[in-house]
PDB file of all heavy atoms in Angstrom:
ATOM      1  N   SER A   1     -17.130 148.320 110.699  1.00  0.00           N
ATOM      2  CA  SER A   1     -16.824 149.436 109.801  1.00  0.00           C
ATOM      3  C   SER A   1     -17.027 149.068 108.333  1.00  0.00           C
ATOM      4  O   SER A   1     -17.019 149.946 107.467  1.00  0.00           O
ATOM      5  CB  SER A   1     -15.387 149.920 110.017  1.00  0.00           C
ATOM      6  OG  SER A   1     -14.454 148.969 109.529  1.00  0.00           O
ATOM      7  N   LEU A   2     -17.231 147.789 108.041  1.00  0.00           N
ATOM      8  CA  LEU A   2     -17.468 147.370 106.663  1.00  0.00           C
ATOM      9  C   LEU A   2     -18.824 147.834 106.148  1.00  0.00           C
ATOM     10  O   LEU A   2     -19.032 147.955 104.938  1.00  0.00           O
ATOM     11  CB  LEU A   2     -17.381 145.844 106.556  1.00  0.00           C
ATOM     12  CG  LEU A   2     -15.990 145.241 106.792  1.00  0.00           C
ATOM     13  CD1 LEU A   2     -16.094 143.723 106.956  1.00  0.00           C
ATOM     14  CD2 LEU A   2     -15.055 145.586 105.633  1.00  0.00           C
ATOM     15  N   LEU A   3     -19.775 148.099 107.038  1.00  0.00           N
ATOM     16  CA  LEU A   3     -21.101 148.544 106.618  1.00  0.00           C
ATOM     17  C   LEU A   3     -21.016 149.916 105.970  1.00  0.00           C
ATOM     18  O   LEU A   3     -20.396 150.841 106.508  1.00  0.00           O
ATOM     19  CB  LEU A   3     -22.051 148.585 107.811  1.00  0.00           C
ATOM     20  CG  LEU A   3     -22.476 147.230 108.385  1.00  0.00           C
ATOM     21  CD1 LEU A   3     -23.194 147.431 109.710  1.00  0.00           C
ATOM     22  CD2 LEU A   3     -23.362 146.479 107.396  1.00  0.00           C
ATOM     23  N   PHE A   4     -21.668 150.052 104.795  1.00  0.00           N
ATOM     24  CA  PHE A   4     -21.595 151.306 104.044  1.00  0.00           C
ATOM     25  C   PHE A   4     -23.007 151.858 103.847  1.00  0.00           C
ATOM     26  O   PHE A   4     -23.772 151.370 103.012  1.00  0.00           O
ATOM     27  CB  PHE A   4     -20.938 151.081 102.683  1.00  0.00           C
ATOM     28  CG  PHE A   4     -20.631 152.360 101.941  1.00  0.00           C
ATOM     29  CD1 PHE A   4     -19.446 153.041 102.157  1.00  0.00           C
ATOM     30  CD2 PHE A   4     -21.540 152.881 101.034  1.00  0.00           C
ATOM     31  CE1 PHE A   4     -19.171 154.232 101.487  1.00  0.00           C
ATOM     32  CE2 PHE A   4     -21.278 154.060 100.358  1.00  0.00           C
ATOM     33  CZ  PHE A   4     -20.089 154.734 100.588  1.00  0.00           C
ATOM     34  N   PRO A   5     -23.390 152.879 104.636  1.00  0.00           N
ATOM     35  CA  PRO A   5     -24.711 153.476 104.463  1.00  0.00           C
ATOM     36  C   PRO A   5     -24.744 154.466 103.305  1.00  0.00           C
ATOM     37  O   PRO A   5     -23.759 155.172 103.042  1.00  0.00           O
ATOM     38  CB  PRO A   5     -24.950 154.176 105.805  1.00  0.00           C
ATOM     39  CG  PRO A   5     -23.591 154.456 106.347  1.00  0.00           C
ATOM     40  CD  PRO A   5     -22.654 153.428 105.788  1.00  0.00           C
ATOM     41  N   ILE A   6     -25.877 154.501 102.601  1.00  0.00           N
ATOM     42  CA  ILE A   6     -26.083 155.448 101.504  1.00  0.00           C
ATOM     43  C   ILE A   6     -27.305 156.289 101.834  1.00  0.00           C
ATOM     44  O   ILE A   6     -28.397 155.738 102.038  1.00  0.00           O
ATOM     45  CB  ILE A   6     -26.295 154.720 100.168  1.00  0.00           C
ATOM     46  CG1 ILE A   6     -25.083 153.861  99.827  1.00  0.00           C
ATOM     47  CG2 ILE A   6     -26.569 155.712  99.043  1.00  0.00           C
ATOM     48  CD1 ILE A   6     -25.288 152.991  98.593  1.00  0.00           C
ATOM     49  N   PRO A   7     -27.180 157.612 101.905  1.00  0.00           N
ATOM     50  CA  PRO A   7     -28.331 158.450 102.255  1.00  0.00           C
ATOM     51  C   PRO A   7     -29.494 158.247 101.285  1.00  0.00           C
ATOM     52  O   PRO A   7     -29.313 158.162 100.069  1.00  0.00           O
ATOM     53  CB  PRO A   7     -27.766 159.871 102.175  1.00  0.00           C
ATOM     54  CG  PRO A   7     -26.292 159.710 102.399  1.00  0.00           C
ATOM     55  CD  PRO A   7     -25.939 158.405 101.754  1.00  0.00           C
ATOM     56  N   ARG A   8     -30.697 158.191 101.832  1.00  0.00           N
ATOM     57  CA  ARG A   8     -31.896 158.027 101.012  1.00  0.00           C
ATOM     58  C   ARG A   8     -32.307 159.333 100.327  1.00  0.00           C
ATOM     59  O   ARG A   8     -32.999 159.307  99.310  1.00  0.00           O
ATOM     60  CB  ARG A   8     -33.064 157.556 101.885  1.00  0.00           C
ATOM     61  CG  ARG A   8     -32.902 156.167 102.509  1.00  0.00           C
ATOM     62  CD  ARG A   8     -34.198 155.806 103.228  1.00  0.00           C
ATOM     63  NE  ARG A   8     -34.119 154.612 104.040  1.00  0.00           N
ATOM     64  CZ  ARG A   8     -34.470 153.387 103.644  1.00  0.00           C
ATOM     65  NH1 ARG A   8     -34.879 153.197 102.400  1.00  0.00           N
ATOM     66  NH2 ARG A   8     -34.407 152.358 104.468  1.00  0.00           N
ATOM     67  N   PHE A   9     -31.920 160.477 100.879  1.00  0.00           N
ATOM     68  CA  PHE A   9     -32.536 161.739 100.460  1.00  0.00           C
ATOM     69  C   PHE A   9     -32.278 162.073  99.000  1.00  0.00           C
ATOM     70  O   PHE A   9     -33.136 162.689  98.339  1.00  0.00           O
ATOM     71  CB  PHE A   9     -32.071 162.899 101.354  1.00  0.00           C
ATOM     72  CG  PHE A   9     -30.652 163.350 101.112  1.00  0.00           C
ATOM     73  CD1 PHE A   9     -30.360 164.306 100.140  1.00  0.00           C
ATOM     74  CD2 PHE A   9     -29.616 162.822 101.854  1.00  0.00           C
ATOM     75  CE1 PHE A   9     -29.051 164.719  99.908  1.00  0.00           C
ATOM     76  CE2 PHE A   9     -28.308 163.240 101.631  1.00  0.00           C
ATOM     77  CZ  PHE A   9     -28.021 164.176 100.655  1.00  0.00           C
ATOM     78  N   ALA A  10     -31.116 161.703  98.442  1.00  0.00           N
ATOM     79  CA  ALA A  10     -30.786 162.120  97.076  1.00  0.00           C
ATOM     80  C   ALA A  10     -31.783 161.551  96.068  1.00  0.00           C
ATOM     81  O   ALA A  10     -32.308 162.275  95.215  1.00  0.00           O
ATOM     82  CB  ALA A  10     -29.362 161.696  96.726  1.00  0.00           C
ATOM     83  N   GLN A  11     -32.045 160.260  96.167  1.00  0.00           N
ATOM     84  CA  GLN A  11     -33.004 159.647  95.252  1.00  0.00           C
ATOM     85  C   GLN A  11     -34.413 160.140  95.532  1.00  0.00           C
ATOM     86  O   GLN A  11     -35.207 160.358  94.604  1.00  0.00           O
ATOM     87  CB  GLN A  11     -32.936 158.118  95.354  1.00  0.00           C
ATOM     88  CG  GLN A  11     -33.897 157.379  94.428  1.00  0.00           C
ATOM     89  CD  GLN A  11     -33.645 157.674  92.953  1.00  0.00           C
ATOM     90  OE1 GLN A  11     -32.511 157.947  92.566  1.00  0.00           O
ATOM     91  NE2 GLN A  11     -34.700 157.635  92.149  1.00  0.00           N
ATOM     92  N   ARG A  12     -34.743 160.341  96.795  1.00  0.00           N
ATOM     93  CA  ARG A  12     -36.086 160.811  97.136  1.00  0.00           C
ATOM     94  C   ARG A  12     -36.327 162.224  96.636  1.00  0.00           C
ATOM     95  O   ARG A  12     -37.448 162.556  96.240  1.00  0.00           O
ATOM     96  CB  ARG A  12     -36.308 160.705  98.647  1.00  0.00           C
ATOM     97  CG  ARG A  12     -36.492 159.259  99.093  1.00  0.00           C
ATOM     98  CD  ARG A  12     -36.649 159.096 100.584  1.00  0.00           C
ATOM     99  NE  ARG A  12     -37.021 157.721 100.916  1.00  0.00           N
ATOM    100  CZ  ARG A  12     -37.111 157.239 102.137  1.00  0.00           C
ATOM    101  NH1 ARG A  12     -36.829 158.028 103.185  1.00  0.00           N
ATOM    102  NH2 ARG A  12     -37.471 155.979 102.348  1.00  0.00           N
ATOM    103  N   GLU A  13     -35.296 163.043  96.641  1.00  0.00           N
ATOM    104  CA  GLU A  13     -35.441 164.385  96.074  1.00  0.00           C
ATOM    105  C   GLU A  13     -35.815 164.321  94.601  1.00  0.00           C
ATOM    106  O   GLU A  13     -36.637 165.112  94.129  1.00  0.00           O
ATOM    107  CB  GLU A  13     -34.149 165.181  96.250  1.00  0.00           C
ATOM    108  CG  GLU A  13     -33.979 165.778  97.629  1.00  0.00           C
ATOM    109  CD  GLU A  13     -32.776 166.710  97.697  1.00  0.00           C
ATOM    110  OE1 GLU A  13     -31.820 166.514  96.916  1.00  0.00           O
ATOM    111  OE2 GLU A  13     -32.799 167.637  98.530  1.00  0.00           O
ATOM    112  N   LYS A  14     -35.241 163.379  93.866  1.00  0.00           N
ATOM    113  CA  LYS A  14     -35.561 163.224  92.447  1.00  0.00           C
ATOM    114  C   LYS A  14     -37.014 162.832  92.239  1.00  0.00           C
ATOM    115  O   LYS A  14     -37.606 163.129  91.189  1.00  0.00           O
ATOM    116  CB  LYS A  14     -34.649 162.164  91.810  1.00  0.00           C
ATOM    117  CG  LYS A  14     -33.179 162.526  91.791  1.00  0.00           C
ATOM    118  CD  LYS A  14     -32.354 161.388  91.205  1.00  0.00           C
ATOM    119  CE  LYS A  14     -30.871 161.694  91.253  1.00  0.00           C
ATOM    120  NZ  LYS A  14     -30.051 160.562  90.751  1.00  0.00           N
ATOM    121  N   LEU A  15     -37.596 162.163  93.226  1.00  0.00           N
ATOM    122  CA  LEU A  15     -38.995 161.738  93.139  1.00  0.00           C
ATOM    123  C   LEU A  15     -39.951 162.788  93.698  1.00  0.00           C
ATOM    124  O   LEU A  15     -41.159 162.566  93.731  1.00  0.00           O
ATOM    125  CB  LEU A  15     -39.186 160.419  93.893  1.00  0.00           C
ATOM    126  CG  LEU A  15     -38.405 159.209  93.371  1.00  0.00           C
ATOM    127  CD1 LEU A  15     -38.621 158.010  94.285  1.00  0.00           C
ATOM    128  CD2 LEU A  15     -38.809 158.877  91.941  1.00  0.00           C
ATOM    129  N   GLY A  16     -39.406 163.910  94.141  1.00  0.00           N
ATOM    130  CA  GLY A  16     -40.252 164.965  94.703  1.00  0.00           C
ATOM    131  C   GLY A  16     -40.681 164.691  96.128  1.00  0.00           C
ATOM    132  O   GLY A  16     -41.654 165.274  96.610  1.00  0.00           O
ATOM    133  N   ILE A  17     -39.953 163.824  96.823  1.00  0.00           N
ATOM    134  CA  ILE A  17     -40.280 163.492  98.208  1.00  0.00           C
ATOM    135  C   ILE A  17     -39.482 164.412  99.128  1.00  0.00           C
ATOM    136  O   ILE A  17     -38.260 164.466  99.056  1.00  0.00           O
ATOM    137  CB  ILE A  17     -39.951 162.022  98.514  1.00  0.00           C
ATOM    138  CG1 ILE A  17     -40.775 161.093  97.607  1.00  0.00           C
ATOM    139  CG2 ILE A  17     -40.225 161.703  99.984  1.00  0.00           C
ATOM    140  CD1 ILE A  17     -40.396 159.631  97.743  1.00  0.00           C
ATOM    141  N   SER A  18     -40.187 165.111  99.991  1.00  0.00           N
ATOM    142  CA  SER A  18     -39.524 166.012 100.932  1.00  0.00           C
ATOM    143  C   SER A  18     -39.240 165.260 102.223  1.00  0.00           C
ATOM    144  O   SER A  18     -39.328 164.031 102.286  1.00  0.00           O
ATOM    145  CB  SER A  18     -40.422 167.223 101.203  1.00  0.00           C
ATOM    146  OG  SER A  18     -41.647 166.811 101.778  1.00  0.00           O
ATOM    147  N   GLN A  19     -38.921 165.988 103.274  1.00  0.00           N
ATOM    148  CA  GLN A  19     -38.612 165.348 104.552  1.00  0.00           C
ATOM    149  C   GLN A  19     -39.819 164.600 105.113  1.00  0.00           C
ATOM    150  O   GLN A  19     -39.672 163.603 105.802  1.00  0.00           O
ATOM    151  CB  GLN A  19     -38.127 166.390 105.558  1.00  0.00           C
ATOM    152  CG  GLN A  19     -36.739 166.946 105.234  1.00  0.00           C
ATOM    153  CD  GLN A  19     -36.234 167.870 106.314  1.00  0.00           C
ATOM    154  OE1 GLN A  19     -37.018 168.425 107.077  1.00  0.00           O
ATOM    155  NE2 GLN A  19     -34.929 168.049 106.380  1.00  0.00           N
ATOM    156  N   ARG A  20     -41.031 165.081 104.811  1.00  0.00           N
ATOM    157  CA  ARG A  20     -42.250 164.376 105.253  1.00  0.00           C
ATOM    158  C   ARG A  20     -42.572 163.296 104.243  1.00  0.00           C
ATOM    159  O   ARG A  20     -42.954 163.571 103.108  1.00  0.00           O
ATOM    160  CB  ARG A  20     -43.406 165.354 105.383  1.00  0.00           C
ATOM    161  CG  ARG A  20     -44.669 164.697 105.898  1.00  0.00           C
ATOM    162  CD  ARG A  20     -45.808 165.677 106.015  1.00  0.00           C
ATOM    163  NE  ARG A  20     -47.005 164.991 106.452  1.00  0.00           N
ATOM    164  CZ  ARG A  20     -47.734 165.343 107.498  1.00  0.00           C
ATOM    165  NH1 ARG A  20     -47.372 166.381 108.221  1.00  0.00           N
ATOM    166  NH2 ARG A  20     -48.821 164.678 107.816  1.00  0.00           N
ATOM    167  N   LEU A  21     -42.435 162.040 104.639  1.00  0.00           N
ATOM    168  CA  LEU A  21     -42.618 160.937 103.720  1.00  0.00           C
ATOM    169  C   LEU A  21     -44.097 160.710 103.427  1.00  0.00           C
ATOM    170  O   LEU A  21     -44.933 160.766 104.337  1.00  0.00           O
ATOM    171  CB  LEU A  21     -42.015 159.659 104.298  1.00  0.00           C
ATOM    172  CG  LEU A  21     -40.505 159.644 104.540  1.00  0.00           C
ATOM    173  CD1 LEU A  21     -40.072 158.292 105.101  1.00  0.00           C
ATOM    174  CD2 LEU A  21     -39.739 159.960 103.261  1.00  0.00           C
ATOM    175  N   PRO A  22     -44.437 160.388 102.173  1.00  0.00           N
ATOM    176  CA  PRO A  22     -45.835 160.111 101.816  1.00  0.00           C
ATOM    177  C   PRO A  22     -46.204 158.649 102.022  1.00  0.00           C
ATOM    178  O   PRO A  22     -47.252 158.207 101.557  1.00  0.00           O
ATOM    179  CB  PRO A  22     -45.873 160.483 100.327  1.00  0.00           C
ATOM    180  CG  PRO A  22     -44.507 160.159  99.834  1.00  0.00           C
ATOM    181  CD  PRO A  22     -43.568 160.465 100.975  1.00  0.00           C
ATOM    182  N   PHE A  23     -45.337 157.899 102.669  1.00  0.00           N
ATOM    183  CA  PHE A  23     -45.601 156.478 102.871  1.00  0.00           C
ATOM    184  C   PHE A  23     -44.987 156.013 104.175  1.00  0.00           C
ATOM    185  O   PHE A  23     -44.154 156.690 104.785  1.00  0.00           O
ATOM    186  CB  PHE A  23     -45.054 155.642 101.709  1.00  0.00           C
ATOM    187  CG  PHE A  23     -43.662 156.016 101.264  1.00  0.00           C
ATOM    188  CD1 PHE A  23     -42.556 155.837 102.093  1.00  0.00           C
ATOM    189  CD2 PHE A  23     -43.449 156.582 100.013  1.00  0.00           C
ATOM    190  CE1 PHE A  23     -41.282 156.191 101.683  1.00  0.00           C
ATOM    191  CE2 PHE A  23     -42.176 156.947  99.591  1.00  0.00           C
ATOM    192  CZ  PHE A  23     -41.092 156.749 100.425  1.00  0.00           C
ATOM    193  N   LEU A  24     -45.427 154.821 104.589  1.00  0.00           N
ATOM    194  CA  LEU A  24     -44.849 154.092 105.709  1.00  0.00           C
ATOM    195  C   LEU A  24     -44.258 152.807 105.150  1.00  0.00           C
ATOM    196  O   LEU A  24     -44.455 152.481 103.987  1.00  0.00           O
ATOM    197  CB  LEU A  24     -45.936 153.775 106.744  1.00  0.00           C
ATOM    198  CG  LEU A  24     -46.758 154.953 107.264  1.00  0.00           C
ATOM    199  CD1 LEU A  24     -47.998 154.452 107.999  1.00  0.00           C
ATOM    200  CD2 LEU A  24     -45.921 155.832 108.172  1.00  0.00           C
ATOM    201  N   GLY A  25     -43.549 152.066 105.989  1.00  0.00           N
ATOM    202  CA  GLY A  25     -43.056 150.786 105.505  1.00  0.00           C
ATOM    203  C   GLY A  25     -41.660 150.464 105.994  1.00  0.00           C
ATOM    204  O   GLY A  25     -41.134 151.083 106.929  1.00  0.00           O
ATOM    205  N   ALA A  26     -41.059 149.488 105.338  1.00  0.00           N
ATOM    206  CA  ALA A  26     -39.734 149.018 105.746  1.00  0.00           C
ATOM    207  C   ALA A  26     -39.107 148.235 104.603  1.00  0.00           C
ATOM    208  O   ALA A  26     -39.781 147.850 103.639  1.00  0.00           O
ATOM    209  CB  ALA A  26     -39.829 148.139 106.986  1.00  0.00           C
ATOM    210  N   ASP A  27     -37.811 148.014 104.721  1.00  0.00           N
ATOM    211  CA  ASP A  27     -37.074 147.136 103.821  1.00  0.00           C
ATOM    212  C   ASP A  27     -36.828 145.835 104.582  1.00  0.00           C
ATOM    213  O   ASP A  27     -36.179 145.827 105.631  1.00  0.00           O
ATOM    214  CB  ASP A  27     -35.746 147.765 103.407  1.00  0.00           C
ATOM    215  CG  ASP A  27     -35.937 149.145 102.791  1.00  0.00           C
ATOM    216  OD1 ASP A  27     -36.940 149.340 102.076  1.00  0.00           O
ATOM    217  OD2 ASP A  27     -35.089 150.027 103.033  1.00  0.00           O
ATOM    218  N   LEU A  28     -37.368 144.746 104.052  1.00  0.00           N
ATOM    219  CA  LEU A  28     -37.261 143.438 104.692  1.00  0.00           C
ATOM    220  C   LEU A  28     -36.132 142.652 104.030  1.00  0.00           C
ATOM    221  O   LEU A  28     -36.228 142.297 102.859  1.00  0.00           O
ATOM    222  CB  LEU A  28     -38.585 142.680 104.572  1.00  0.00           C
ATOM    223  CG  LEU A  28     -39.839 143.448 105.006  1.00  0.00           C
ATOM    224  CD1 LEU A  28     -41.080 142.603 104.779  1.00  0.00           C
ATOM    225  CD2 LEU A  28     -39.737 143.884 106.456  1.00  0.00           C
ATOM    226  N   TRP A  29     -35.082 142.393 104.779  1.00  0.00           N
ATOM    227  CA  TRP A  29     -33.930 141.665 104.268  1.00  0.00           C
ATOM    228  C   TRP A  29     -33.956 140.236 104.793  1.00  0.00           C
ATOM    229  O   TRP A  29     -34.410 139.983 105.901  1.00  0.00           O
ATOM    230  CB  TRP A  29     -32.620 142.300 104.752  1.00  0.00           C
ATOM    231  CG  TRP A  29     -32.308 143.677 104.286  1.00  0.00           C
ATOM    232  CD1 TRP A  29     -32.965 144.833 104.594  1.00  0.00           C
ATOM    233  CD2 TRP A  29     -31.210 144.065 103.450  1.00  0.00           C
ATOM    234  NE1 TRP A  29     -32.344 145.902 104.009  1.00  0.00           N
ATOM    235  CE2 TRP A  29     -31.267 145.461 103.297  1.00  0.00           C
ATOM    236  CE3 TRP A  29     -30.180 143.354 102.834  1.00  0.00           C
ATOM    237  CZ2 TRP A  29     -30.340 146.178 102.554  1.00  0.00           C
ATOM    238  CZ3 TRP A  29     -29.256 144.050 102.080  1.00  0.00           C
ATOM    239  CH2 TRP A  29     -29.335 145.457 101.940  1.00  0.00           C
ATOM    240  N   THR A  30     -33.416 139.321 103.997  1.00  0.00           N
ATOM    241  CA  THR A  30     -33.131 137.971 104.476  1.00  0.00           C
ATOM    242  C   THR A  30     -31.658 137.685 104.220  1.00  0.00           C
ATOM    243  O   THR A  30     -31.178 137.856 103.095  1.00  0.00           O
ATOM    244  CB  THR A  30     -33.977 136.903 103.756  1.00  0.00           C
ATOM    245  OG1 THR A  30     -35.344 137.302 103.746  1.00  0.00           O
ATOM    246  CG2 THR A  30     -33.844 135.568 104.473  1.00  0.00           C
ATOM    247  N   ALA A  31     -30.958 137.268 105.265  1.00  0.00           N
ATOM    248  CA  ALA A  31     -29.540 136.907 105.146  1.00  0.00           C
ATOM    249  C   ALA A  31     -29.428 135.390 105.243  1.00  0.00           C
ATOM    250  O   ALA A  31     -29.796 134.795 106.262  1.00  0.00           O
ATOM    251  CB  ALA A  31     -28.728 137.579 106.246  1.00  0.00           C
ATOM    252  N   PHE A  32     -28.934 134.780 104.177  1.00  0.00           N
ATOM    253  CA  PHE A  32     -28.821 133.321 104.101  1.00  0.00           C
ATOM    254  C   PHE A  32     -27.419 132.826 104.441  1.00  0.00           C
ATOM    255  O   PHE A  32     -27.224 131.612 104.563  1.00  0.00           O
ATOM    256  CB  PHE A  32     -29.202 132.842 102.695  1.00  0.00           C
ATOM    257  CG  PHE A  32     -30.646 133.081 102.347  1.00  0.00           C
ATOM    258  CD1 PHE A  32     -31.042 134.249 101.711  1.00  0.00           C
ATOM    259  CD2 PHE A  32     -31.611 132.135 102.653  1.00  0.00           C
ATOM    260  CE1 PHE A  32     -32.374 134.464 101.379  1.00  0.00           C
ATOM    261  CE2 PHE A  32     -32.943 132.339 102.329  1.00  0.00           C
ATOM    262  CZ  PHE A  32     -33.330 133.508 101.695  1.00  0.00           C
ATOM    263  N   GLU A  33     -26.447 133.719 104.570  1.00  0.00           N
ATOM    264  CA  GLU A  33     -25.061 133.312 104.783  1.00  0.00           C
ATOM    265  C   GLU A  33     -24.509 133.959 106.056  1.00  0.00           C
ATOM    266  O   GLU A  33     -23.668 134.851 105.998  1.00  0.00           O
ATOM    267  CB  GLU A  33     -24.206 133.673 103.564  1.00  0.00           C
ATOM    268  CG  GLU A  33     -24.676 132.985 102.280  1.00  0.00           C
ATOM    269  CD  GLU A  33     -23.898 133.421 101.043  1.00  0.00           C
ATOM    270  OE1 GLU A  33     -22.942 134.216 101.197  1.00  0.00           O
ATOM    271  OE2 GLU A  33     -24.258 132.993  99.935  1.00  0.00           O
ATOM    272  N   LEU A  34     -25.023 133.520 107.185  1.00  0.00           N
ATOM    273  CA  LEU A  34     -24.583 134.035 108.479  1.00  0.00           C
ATOM    274  C   LEU A  34     -24.010 132.871 109.292  1.00  0.00           C
ATOM    275  O   LEU A  34     -24.702 131.897 109.566  1.00  0.00           O
ATOM    276  CB  LEU A  34     -25.748 134.674 109.223  1.00  0.00           C
ATOM    277  CG  LEU A  34     -25.463 135.115 110.671  1.00  0.00           C
ATOM    278  CD1 LEU A  34     -24.357 136.162 110.722  1.00  0.00           C
ATOM    279  CD2 LEU A  34     -26.746 135.643 111.323  1.00  0.00           C
ATOM    280  N   SER A  35     -22.739 132.973 109.646  1.00  0.00           N
ATOM    281  CA  SER A  35     -22.091 131.936 110.443  1.00  0.00           C
ATOM    282  C   SER A  35     -21.034 132.574 111.335  1.00  0.00           C
ATOM    283  O   SER A  35     -20.439 133.591 110.974  1.00  0.00           O
ATOM    284  CB  SER A  35     -21.452 130.872 109.529  1.00  0.00           C
ATOM    285  OG  SER A  35     -20.862 129.840 110.291  1.00  0.00           O
ATOM    286  N   TRP A  36     -20.810 131.966 112.496  1.00  0.00           N
ATOM    287  CA  TRP A  36     -19.822 132.454 113.451  1.00  0.00           C
ATOM    288  C   TRP A  36     -19.282 131.253 114.229  1.00  0.00           C
ATOM    289  O   TRP A  36     -19.703 130.101 114.003  1.00  0.00           O
ATOM    290  CB  TRP A  36     -20.450 133.483 114.398  1.00  0.00           C
ATOM    291  CG  TRP A  36     -21.526 132.918 115.290  1.00  0.00           C
ATOM    292  CD1 TRP A  36     -21.397 132.463 116.565  1.00  0.00           C
ATOM    293  CD2 TRP A  36     -22.911 132.718 114.946  1.00  0.00           C
ATOM    294  NE1 TRP A  36     -22.587 131.997 117.056  1.00  0.00           N
ATOM    295  CE2 TRP A  36     -23.544 132.150 116.077  1.00  0.00           C
ATOM    296  CE3 TRP A  36     -23.675 132.974 113.810  1.00  0.00           C
ATOM    297  CZ2 TRP A  36     -24.900 131.833 116.091  1.00  0.00           C
ATOM    298  CZ3 TRP A  36     -25.024 132.657 113.817  1.00  0.00           C
ATOM    299  CH2 TRP A  36     -25.633 132.097 114.949  1.00  0.00           C
ATOM    300  N   LEU A  37     -18.340 131.489 115.133  1.00  0.00           N
ATOM    301  CA  LEU A  37     -17.785 130.435 115.977  1.00  0.00           C
ATOM    302  C   LEU A  37     -18.322 130.578 117.396  1.00  0.00           C
ATOM    303  O   LEU A  37     -18.473 131.705 117.898  1.00  0.00           O
ATOM    304  CB  LEU A  37     -16.262 130.518 116.010  1.00  0.00           C
ATOM    305  CG  LEU A  37     -15.537 130.475 114.658  1.00  0.00           C
ATOM    306  CD1 LEU A  37     -14.031 130.590 114.890  1.00  0.00           C
ATOM    307  CD2 LEU A  37     -15.867 129.209 113.871  1.00  0.00           C
ATOM    308  N   ASN A  38     -18.614 129.441 118.034  1.00  0.00           N
ATOM    309  CA  ASN A  38     -18.976 129.533 119.444  1.00  0.00           C
ATOM    310  C   ASN A  38     -17.718 129.666 120.296  1.00  0.00           C
ATOM    311  O   ASN A  38     -16.593 129.738 119.771  1.00  0.00           O
ATOM    312  CB  ASN A  38     -19.859 128.350 119.871  1.00  0.00           C
ATOM    313  CG  ASN A  38     -19.126 127.017 119.880  1.00  0.00           C
ATOM    314  OD1 ASN A  38     -17.893 126.943 119.763  1.00  0.00           O
ATOM    315  ND2 ASN A  38     -19.888 125.932 120.036  1.00  0.00           N
ATOM    316  N   ALA A  39     -17.879 129.675 121.609  1.00  0.00           N
ATOM    317  CA  ALA A  39     -16.735 129.911 122.494  1.00  0.00           C
ATOM    318  C   ALA A  39     -15.667 128.832 122.364  1.00  0.00           C
ATOM    319  O   ALA A  39     -14.490 129.070 122.663  1.00  0.00           O
ATOM    320  CB  ALA A  39     -17.225 130.000 123.939  1.00  0.00           C
ATOM    321  N   ARG A  40     -16.028 127.650 121.874  1.00  0.00           N
ATOM    322  CA  ARG A  40     -15.082 126.547 121.706  1.00  0.00           C
ATOM    323  C   ARG A  40     -14.555 126.454 120.277  1.00  0.00           C
ATOM    324  O   ARG A  40     -13.819 125.530 119.950  1.00  0.00           O
ATOM    325  CB  ARG A  40     -15.748 125.234 122.118  1.00  0.00           C
ATOM    326  CG  ARG A  40     -16.203 125.218 123.582  1.00  0.00           C
ATOM    327  CD  ARG A  40     -16.975 123.958 123.910  1.00  0.00           C
ATOM    328  NE  ARG A  40     -16.145 122.774 123.769  1.00  0.00           N
ATOM    329  CZ  ARG A  40     -16.623 121.528 123.834  1.00  0.00           C
ATOM    330  NH1 ARG A  40     -17.917 121.325 124.037  1.00  0.00           N
ATOM    331  NH2 ARG A  40     -15.802 120.495 123.694  1.00  0.00           N
ATOM    332  N   GLY A  41     -14.921 127.418 119.438  1.00  0.00           N
ATOM    333  CA  GLY A  41     -14.415 127.450 118.069  1.00  0.00           C
ATOM    334  C   GLY A  41     -15.222 126.656 117.070  1.00  0.00           C
ATOM    335  O   GLY A  41     -14.811 126.541 115.904  1.00  0.00           O
ATOM    336  N   LYS A  42     -16.344 126.073 117.488  1.00  0.00           N
ATOM    337  CA  LYS A  42     -17.174 125.297 116.566  1.00  0.00           C
ATOM    338  C   LYS A  42     -18.068 126.231 115.758  1.00  0.00           C
ATOM    339  O   LYS A  42     -18.746 127.100 116.321  1.00  0.00           O
ATOM    340  CB  LYS A  42     -18.036 124.302 117.331  1.00  0.00           C
ATOM    341  CG  LYS A  42     -18.902 123.438 116.428  1.00  0.00           C
ATOM    342  CD  LYS A  42     -19.779 122.496 117.240  1.00  0.00           C
ATOM    343  CE  LYS A  42     -20.712 121.708 116.327  1.00  0.00           C
ATOM    344  NZ  LYS A  42     -21.616 120.811 117.094  1.00  0.00           N
ATOM    345  N   PRO A  43     -18.128 126.071 114.417  1.00  0.00           N
ATOM    346  CA  PRO A  43     -18.992 126.942 113.607  1.00  0.00           C
ATOM    347  C   PRO A  43     -20.474 126.793 113.972  1.00  0.00           C
ATOM    348  O   PRO A  43     -20.961 125.689 114.231  1.00  0.00           O
ATOM    349  CB  PRO A  43     -18.731 126.468 112.177  1.00  0.00           C
ATOM    350  CG  PRO A  43     -17.360 125.873 112.223  1.00  0.00           C
ATOM    351  CD  PRO A  43     -17.274 125.213 113.575  1.00  0.00           C
ATOM    352  N   GLN A  44     -21.150 127.921 113.990  1.00  0.00           N
ATOM    353  CA  GLN A  44     -22.600 128.006 114.194  1.00  0.00           C
ATOM    354  C   GLN A  44     -23.185 128.734 112.991  1.00  0.00           C
ATOM    355  O   GLN A  44     -22.478 129.485 112.297  1.00  0.00           O
ATOM    356  CB  GLN A  44     -22.922 128.783 115.467  1.00  0.00           C
ATOM    357  CG  GLN A  44     -22.191 128.289 116.708  1.00  0.00           C
ATOM    358  CD  GLN A  44     -22.643 126.923 117.142  1.00  0.00           C
ATOM    359  OE1 GLN A  44     -23.793 126.724 117.498  1.00  0.00           O
ATOM    360  NE2 GLN A  44     -21.720 125.959 117.093  1.00  0.00           N
TER     361      GLN A  44
END
């Protein structure tokens, strides 16, 4: 529940972009701080 989505449409409306997008693509993220515990409690 910590994830907070922000709708894209508001900014795209300001750019004159309608529901039909004039481009393809993606947002490429890199996460450098990902850690968890295994079943025995050891950090991974």
